[in-house]
PDB file of N, CA and C in Angstrom:
ATOM      1  N   MET A   1      53.462   4.593  -9.640  1.00  0.00           N
ATOM      2  CA  MET A   1      54.560   5.522  -9.219  1.00  0.00           C
ATOM      3  C   MET A   1      54.040   6.967  -9.336  1.00  0.00           C
ATOM      4  N   LYS A   2      54.340   7.728  -8.396  1.00  0.00           N
ATOM      5  CA  LYS A   2      53.981   9.180  -8.457  1.00  0.00           C
ATOM      6  C   LYS A   2      54.759   9.869  -9.557  1.00  0.00           C
ATOM      7  N   LEU A   3      54.091  10.815 -10.203  1.00  0.00           N
ATOM      8  CA  LEU A   3      54.677  11.476 -11.271  1.00  0.00           C
ATOM      9  C   LEU A   3      55.909  12.268 -10.891  1.00  0.00           C
ATOM     10  N   THR A   4      55.959  12.826  -9.628  1.00  0.00           N
ATOM     11  CA  THR A   4      57.111  13.583  -9.169  1.00  0.00           C
ATOM     12  C   THR A   4      58.320  12.686  -9.025  1.00  0.00           C
ATOM     13  N   VAL A   5      58.121  11.407  -8.583  1.00  0.00           N
ATOM     14  CA  VAL A   5      59.162  10.462  -8.448  1.00  0.00           C
ATOM     15  C   VAL A   5      59.666  10.038  -9.851  1.00  0.00           C
ATOM     16  N   LEU A   6      58.804   9.829 -10.705  1.00  0.00           N
ATOM     17  CA  LEU A   6      59.121   9.444 -12.142  1.00  0.00           C
ATOM     18  C   LEU A   6      59.892  10.520 -12.792  1.00  0.00           C
ATOM     19  N   LEU A   7      59.501  11.723 -12.621  1.00  0.00           N
ATOM     20  CA  LEU A   7      60.224  12.898 -13.219  1.00  0.00           C
ATOM     21  C   LEU A   7      61.689  12.935 -12.622  1.00  0.00           C
ATOM     22  N   GLY A   8      61.737  12.788 -11.302  1.00  0.00           N
ATOM     23  CA  GLY A   8      63.073  12.775 -10.657  1.00  0.00           C
ATOM     24  C   GLY A   8      64.021  11.693 -11.115  1.00  0.00           C
ATOM     25  N   ARG A   9      63.521  10.599 -11.311  1.00  0.00           N
ATOM     26  CA  ARG A   9      64.322   9.486 -11.815  1.00  0.00           C
ATOM     27  C   ARG A   9      64.719   9.719 -13.231  1.00  0.00           C
ATOM     28  N   ASN A  10      63.871  10.227 -14.015  1.00  0.00           N
ATOM     29  CA  ASN A  10      64.206  10.532 -15.504  1.00  0.00           C
ATOM     30  C   ASN A  10      65.245  11.644 -15.582  1.00  0.00           C
ATOM     31  N   VAL A  11      65.060  12.724 -14.725  1.00  0.00           N
ATOM     32  CA  VAL A  11      66.026  13.786 -14.771  1.00  0.00           C
ATOM     33  C   VAL A  11      67.368  13.300 -14.319  1.00  0.00           C
ATOM     34  N   ARG A  12      67.396  12.571 -13.262  1.00  0.00           N
ATOM     35  CA  ARG A  12      68.742  12.048 -12.697  1.00  0.00           C
ATOM     36  C   ARG A  12      69.413  11.158 -13.783  1.00  0.00           C
ATOM     37  N   SER A  13      68.659  10.294 -14.382  1.00  0.00           N
ATOM     38  CA  SER A  13      69.208   9.388 -15.353  1.00  0.00           C
ATOM     39  C   SER A  13      69.736  10.178 -16.597  1.00  0.00           C
ATOM     40  N   ALA A  14      68.954  11.089 -17.053  1.00  0.00           N
ATOM     41  CA  ALA A  14      69.401  11.982 -18.221  1.00  0.00           C
ATOM     42  C   ALA A  14      70.622  12.795 -17.864  1.00  0.00           C
ATOM     43  N   ARG A  15      70.615  13.309 -16.671  1.00  0.00           N
ATOM     44  CA  ARG A  15      71.771  14.090 -16.199  1.00  0.00           C
ATOM     45  C   ARG A  15      73.034  13.291 -16.120  1.00  0.00           C
ATOM     46  N   GLN A  16      72.913  12.064 -15.624  1.00  0.00           N
ATOM     47  CA  GLN A  16      74.110  11.174 -15.455  1.00  0.00           C
ATOM     48  C   GLN A  16      74.553  10.713 -16.848  1.00  0.00           C
ATOM     49  N   LEU A  17      73.627  10.505 -17.785  1.00  0.00           N
ATOM     50  CA  LEU A  17      74.025  10.053 -19.110  1.00  0.00           C
ATOM     51  C   LEU A  17      74.814  11.210 -19.836  1.00  0.00           C
ATOM     52  N   LYS A  18      74.540  12.415 -19.473  1.00  0.00           N
ATOM     53  CA  LYS A  18      75.251  13.574 -20.096  1.00  0.00           C
ATOM     54  C   LYS A  18      76.494  13.915 -19.300  1.00  0.00           C
ATOM     55  N   GLY A  19      76.716  13.176 -18.141  1.00  0.00           N
ATOM     56  CA  GLY A  19      77.917  13.451 -17.386  1.00  0.00           C
ATOM     57  C   GLY A  19      77.910  14.689 -16.687  1.00  0.00           C
ATOM     58  N   LEU A  20      76.777  15.189 -16.268  1.00  0.00           N
ATOM     59  CA  LEU A  20      76.606  16.432 -15.567  1.00  0.00           C
ATOM     60  C   LEU A  20      76.435  16.266 -14.105  1.00  0.00           C
ATOM     61  N   SER A  21      76.991  17.159 -13.321  1.00  0.00           N
ATOM     62  CA  SER A  21      76.729  17.224 -11.858  1.00  0.00           C
ATOM     63  C   SER A  21      75.388  17.896 -11.674  1.00  0.00           C
ATOM     64  N   GLN A  22      74.836  17.838 -10.514  1.00  0.00           N
ATOM     65  CA  GLN A  22      73.551  18.612 -10.237  1.00  0.00           C
ATOM     66  C   GLN A  22      73.884  20.004 -10.348  1.00  0.00           C
ATOM     67  N   GLU A  23      74.990  20.394  -9.853  1.00  0.00           N
ATOM     68  CA  GLU A  23      75.285  21.895  -9.938  1.00  0.00           C
ATOM     69  C   GLU A  23      75.417  22.451 -11.425  1.00  0.00           C
ATOM     70  N   ALA A  24      75.997  21.616 -12.217  1.00  0.00           N
ATOM     71  CA  ALA A  24      76.190  22.002 -13.663  1.00  0.00           C
ATOM     72  C   ALA A  24      74.785  22.056 -14.281  1.00  0.00           C
ATOM     73  N   LEU A  25      73.958  21.061 -14.021  1.00  0.00           N
ATOM     74  CA  LEU A  25      72.626  21.020 -14.701  1.00  0.00           C
ATOM     75  C   LEU A  25      71.844  22.198 -14.128  1.00  0.00           C
ATOM     76  N   ALA A  26      71.863  22.443 -12.815  1.00  0.00           N
ATOM     77  CA  ALA A  26      71.049  23.547 -12.228  1.00  0.00           C
ATOM     78  C   ALA A  26      71.468  24.867 -12.903  1.00  0.00           C
ATOM     79  N   PHE A  27      72.768  25.072 -13.065  1.00  0.00           N
ATOM     80  CA  PHE A  27      73.253  26.284 -13.763  1.00  0.00           C
ATOM     81  C   PHE A  27      72.703  26.390 -15.109  1.00  0.00           C
ATOM     82  N   GLU A  28      72.818  25.329 -15.975  1.00  0.00           N
ATOM     83  CA  GLU A  28      72.288  25.386 -17.280  1.00  0.00           C
ATOM     84  C   GLU A  28      70.797  25.602 -17.370  1.00  0.00           C
ATOM     85  N   ALA A  29      70.067  25.096 -16.305  1.00  0.00           N
ATOM     86  CA  ALA A  29      68.644  25.244 -16.381  1.00  0.00           C
ATOM     87  C   ALA A  29      68.181  26.490 -15.667  1.00  0.00           C
ATOM     88  N   GLY A  30      69.076  27.250 -15.101  1.00  0.00           N
ATOM     89  CA  GLY A  30      68.694  28.488 -14.399  1.00  0.00           C
ATOM     90  C   GLY A  30      67.964  28.248 -13.129  1.00  0.00           C
ATOM     91  N   MET A  31      68.360  27.276 -12.363  1.00  0.00           N
ATOM     92  CA  MET A  31      67.689  27.015 -11.017  1.00  0.00           C
ATOM     93  C   MET A  31      68.699  26.737  -9.967  1.00  0.00           C
ATOM     94  N   LYS A  32      68.301  26.667  -8.764  1.00  0.00           N
ATOM     95  CA  LYS A  32      69.169  26.383  -7.633  1.00  0.00           C
ATOM     96  C   LYS A  32      69.435  24.834  -7.579  1.00  0.00           C
ATOM     97  N   ARG A  33      70.662  24.549  -7.204  1.00  0.00           N
ATOM     98  CA  ARG A  33      70.976  23.104  -7.016  1.00  0.00           C
ATOM     99  C   ARG A  33      70.089  22.335  -6.029  1.00  0.00           C
ATOM    100  N   SER A  34      69.759  23.055  -4.938  1.00  0.00           N
ATOM    101  CA  SER A  34      68.896  22.449  -3.977  1.00  0.00           C
ATOM    102  C   SER A  34      67.535  22.141  -4.495  1.00  0.00           C
ATOM    103  N   TYR A  35      66.979  22.993  -5.356  1.00  0.00           N
ATOM    104  CA  TYR A  35      65.696  22.770  -6.015  1.00  0.00           C
ATOM    105  C   TYR A  35      65.794  21.517  -6.965  1.00  0.00           C
ATOM    106  N   LEU A  36      66.876  21.443  -7.693  1.00  0.00           N
ATOM    107  CA  LEU A  36      67.135  20.318  -8.588  1.00  0.00           C
ATOM    108  C   LEU A  36      67.200  18.943  -7.740  1.00  0.00           C
ATOM    109  N   SER A  37      67.973  19.055  -6.645  1.00  0.00           N
ATOM    110  CA  SER A  37      68.051  17.937  -5.764  1.00  0.00           C
ATOM    111  C   SER A  37      66.705  17.416  -5.290  1.00  0.00           C
ATOM    112  N   ASP A  38      65.841  18.386  -4.910  1.00  0.00           N
ATOM    113  CA  ASP A  38      64.557  18.099  -4.387  1.00  0.00           C
ATOM    114  C   ASP A  38      63.687  17.402  -5.538  1.00  0.00           C
ATOM    115  N   LEU A  39      63.836  17.951  -6.746  1.00  0.00           N
ATOM    116  CA  LEU A  39      63.091  17.356  -7.841  1.00  0.00           C
ATOM    117  C   LEU A  39      63.609  15.926  -8.082  1.00  0.00           C
ATOM    118  N   GLU A  40      64.841  15.683  -8.100  1.00  0.00           N
ATOM    119  CA  GLU A  40      65.407  14.443  -8.444  1.00  0.00           C
ATOM    120  C   GLU A  40      64.973  13.351  -7.327  1.00  0.00           C
ATOM    121  N   ARG A  41      64.790  13.793  -6.134  1.00  0.00           N
ATOM    122  CA  ARG A  41      64.293  12.977  -5.090  1.00  0.00           C
ATOM    123  C   ARG A  41      62.797  12.751  -5.041  1.00  0.00           C
ATOM    124  N   GLY A  42      62.128  13.459  -5.900  1.00  0.00           N
ATOM    125  CA  GLY A  42      60.679  13.486  -6.012  1.00  0.00           C
ATOM    126  C   GLY A  42      59.965  14.064  -4.727  1.00  0.00           C
ATOM    127  N   THR A  43      60.637  14.974  -4.107  1.00  0.00           N
ATOM    128  CA  THR A  43      60.020  15.580  -2.905  1.00  0.00           C
ATOM    129  C   THR A  43      59.507  16.945  -3.180  1.00  0.00           C
ATOM    130  N   ARG A  44      59.596  17.468  -4.365  1.00  0.00           N
ATOM    131  CA  ARG A  44      59.155  18.804  -4.803  1.00  0.00           C
ATOM    132  C   ARG A  44      58.263  18.667  -6.002  1.00  0.00           C
ATOM    133  N   ASN A  45      57.217  19.468  -6.043  1.00  0.00           N
ATOM    134  CA  ASN A  45      56.347  19.512  -7.197  1.00  0.00           C
ATOM    135  C   ASN A  45      56.959  20.505  -8.164  1.00  0.00           C
ATOM    136  N   PRO A  46      57.267  20.024  -9.437  1.00  0.00           N
ATOM    137  CA  PRO A  46      57.931  20.889 -10.387  1.00  0.00           C
ATOM    138  C   PRO A  46      56.864  21.808 -11.063  1.00  0.00           C
ATOM    139  N   THR A  47      57.352  22.951 -11.566  1.00  0.00           N
ATOM    140  CA  THR A  47      56.545  23.848 -12.334  1.00  0.00           C
ATOM    141  C   THR A  47      56.706  23.349 -13.776  1.00  0.00           C
ATOM    142  N   VAL A  48      55.769  23.795 -14.586  1.00  0.00           N
ATOM    143  CA  VAL A  48      55.978  23.551 -16.055  1.00  0.00           C
ATOM    144  C   VAL A  48      57.254  24.188 -16.530  1.00  0.00           C
ATOM    145  N   THR A  49      57.478  25.386 -16.075  1.00  0.00           N
ATOM    146  CA  THR A  49      58.715  26.114 -16.436  1.00  0.00           C
ATOM    147  C   THR A  49      59.896  25.380 -16.077  1.00  0.00           C
ATOM    148  N   ALA A  50      59.992  24.747 -14.914  1.00  0.00           N
ATOM    149  CA  ALA A  50      61.136  23.958 -14.487  1.00  0.00           C
ATOM    150  C   ALA A  50      61.328  22.769 -15.436  1.00  0.00           C
ATOM    151  N   ILE A  51      60.265  22.056 -15.793  1.00  0.00           N
ATOM    152  CA  ILE A  51      60.326  20.927 -16.715  1.00  0.00           C
ATOM    153  C   ILE A  51      60.831  21.394 -18.065  1.00  0.00           C
ATOM    154  N   GLU A  52      60.363  22.495 -18.537  1.00  0.00           N
ATOM    155  CA  GLU A  52      60.931  22.968 -19.896  1.00  0.00           C
ATOM    156  C   GLU A  52      62.337  23.366 -19.740  1.00  0.00           C
ATOM    157  N   ARG A  53      62.736  24.046 -18.693  1.00  0.00           N
ATOM    158  CA  ARG A  53      64.275  24.402 -18.543  1.00  0.00           C
ATOM    159  C   ARG A  53      65.114  23.190 -18.511  1.00  0.00           C
ATOM    160  N   LEU A  54      64.662  22.172 -17.698  1.00  0.00           N
ATOM    161  CA  LEU A  54      65.489  21.025 -17.561  1.00  0.00           C
ATOM    162  C   LEU A  54      65.535  20.225 -18.901  1.00  0.00           C
ATOM    163  N   ALA A  55      64.438  20.126 -19.625  1.00  0.00           N
ATOM    164  CA  ALA A  55      64.473  19.464 -20.917  1.00  0.00           C
ATOM    165  C   ALA A  55      65.363  20.164 -21.881  1.00  0.00           C
ATOM    166  N   LEU A  56      65.363  21.469 -21.870  1.00  0.00           N
ATOM    167  CA  LEU A  56      66.239  22.245 -22.778  1.00  0.00           C
ATOM    168  C   LEU A  56      67.718  22.022 -22.350  1.00  0.00           C
ATOM    169  N   ALA A  57      68.047  22.079 -21.064  1.00  0.00           N
ATOM    170  CA  ALA A  57      69.348  21.861 -20.653  1.00  0.00           C
ATOM    171  C   ALA A  57      69.834  20.483 -20.899  1.00  0.00           C
ATOM    172  N   LEU A  58      68.946  19.535 -20.829  1.00  0.00           N
ATOM    173  CA  LEU A  58      69.364  18.107 -21.068  1.00  0.00           C
ATOM    174  C   LEU A  58      69.196  17.772 -22.592  1.00  0.00           C
ATOM    175  N   ASP A  59      68.686  18.677 -23.397  1.00  0.00           N
ATOM    176  CA  ASP A  59      68.487  18.306 -24.841  1.00  0.00           C
ATOM    177  C   ASP A  59      67.591  17.129 -25.073  1.00  0.00           C
ATOM    178  N   VAL A  60      66.425  17.172 -24.321  1.00  0.00           N
ATOM    179  CA  VAL A  60      65.445  16.143 -24.545  1.00  0.00           C
ATOM    180  C   VAL A  60      64.056  16.798 -24.605  1.00  0.00           C
ATOM    181  N   GLU A  61      63.093  16.060 -25.173  1.00  0.00           N
ATOM    182  CA  GLU A  61      61.726  16.609 -25.177  1.00  0.00           C
ATOM    183  C   GLU A  61      61.232  16.525 -23.737  1.00  0.00           C
ATOM    184  N   PRO A  62      60.456  17.526 -23.358  1.00  0.00           N
ATOM    185  CA  PRO A  62      59.824  17.501 -22.090  1.00  0.00           C
ATOM    186  C   PRO A  62      59.049  16.249 -21.730  1.00  0.00           C
ATOM    187  N   SER A  63      58.374  15.748 -22.720  1.00  0.00           N
ATOM    188  CA  SER A  63      57.554  14.548 -22.525  1.00  0.00           C
ATOM    189  C   SER A  63      58.532  13.367 -22.059  1.00  0.00           C
ATOM    190  N   LYS A  64      59.733  13.321 -22.475  1.00  0.00           N
ATOM    191  CA  LYS A  64      60.662  12.258 -22.118  1.00  0.00           C
ATOM    192  C   LYS A  64      60.935  12.245 -20.629  1.00  0.00           C
ATOM    193  N   LEU A  65      60.782  13.357 -19.973  1.00  0.00           N
ATOM    194  CA  LEU A  65      61.016  13.441 -18.564  1.00  0.00           C
ATOM    195  C   LEU A  65      59.896  12.948 -17.727  1.00  0.00           C
ATOM    196  N   LEU A  66      58.719  12.831 -18.430  1.00  0.00           N
ATOM    197  CA  LEU A  66      57.477  12.550 -17.706  1.00  0.00           C
ATOM    198  C   LEU A  66      56.895  11.134 -18.078  1.00  0.00           C
ATOM    199  N   THR A  67      57.688  10.334 -18.861  1.00  0.00           N
ATOM    200  CA  THR A  67      57.192   9.072 -19.330  1.00  0.00           C
ATOM    201  C   THR A  67      58.046   7.932 -18.763  1.00  0.00           C
ATOM    202  N   ARG A  68      57.414   6.797 -18.622  1.00  0.00           N
ATOM    203  CA  ARG A  68      58.158   5.611 -18.132  1.00  0.00           C
ATOM    204  C   ARG A  68      58.672   4.909 -19.316  1.00  0.00           C
ATOM    205  N   GLU A  69      59.992   4.595 -19.242  1.00  0.00           N
ATOM    206  CA  GLU A  69      60.624   3.890 -20.272  1.00  0.00           C
ATOM    207  C   GLU A  69      60.297   2.416 -20.196  1.00  0.00           C
ATOM    208  N   SER A  70      60.071   1.810 -21.355  1.00  0.00           N
ATOM    209  CA  SER A  70      59.820   0.382 -21.351  1.00  0.00           C
ATOM    210  C   SER A  70      61.113  -0.331 -21.240  1.00  0.00           C
ATOM    211  N   SER A  71      61.171  -1.359 -20.360  1.00  0.00           N
ATOM    212  CA  SER A  71      62.385  -2.169 -20.118  1.00  0.00           C
ATOM    213  C   SER A  71      62.395  -3.353 -21.119  1.00  0.00           C
ATOM    214  N   GLY A  72      62.989  -3.143 -22.196  1.00  0.00           N
ATOM    215  CA  GLY A  72      63.060  -4.218 -23.126  1.00  0.00           C
ATOM    216  C   GLY A  72      63.388  -3.864 -24.464  1.00  0.00           C
TER     217      GLY A  72
END
């Protein structure tokens, strides 16, 4: 799986677990909702700064957004 797709899935999952809309998370992370949407779909290459901002807004370690969870 491409890293951009993995990041997008992890961001979407963490966002939904927190009960946040894309608009709310984008505001908290200081980015545009359309950029966040692109990231979640895996169609945009994230910057390190974007990953840091999202991790902070989601209250997770940045590495958590870039790793595949084990199913089990």
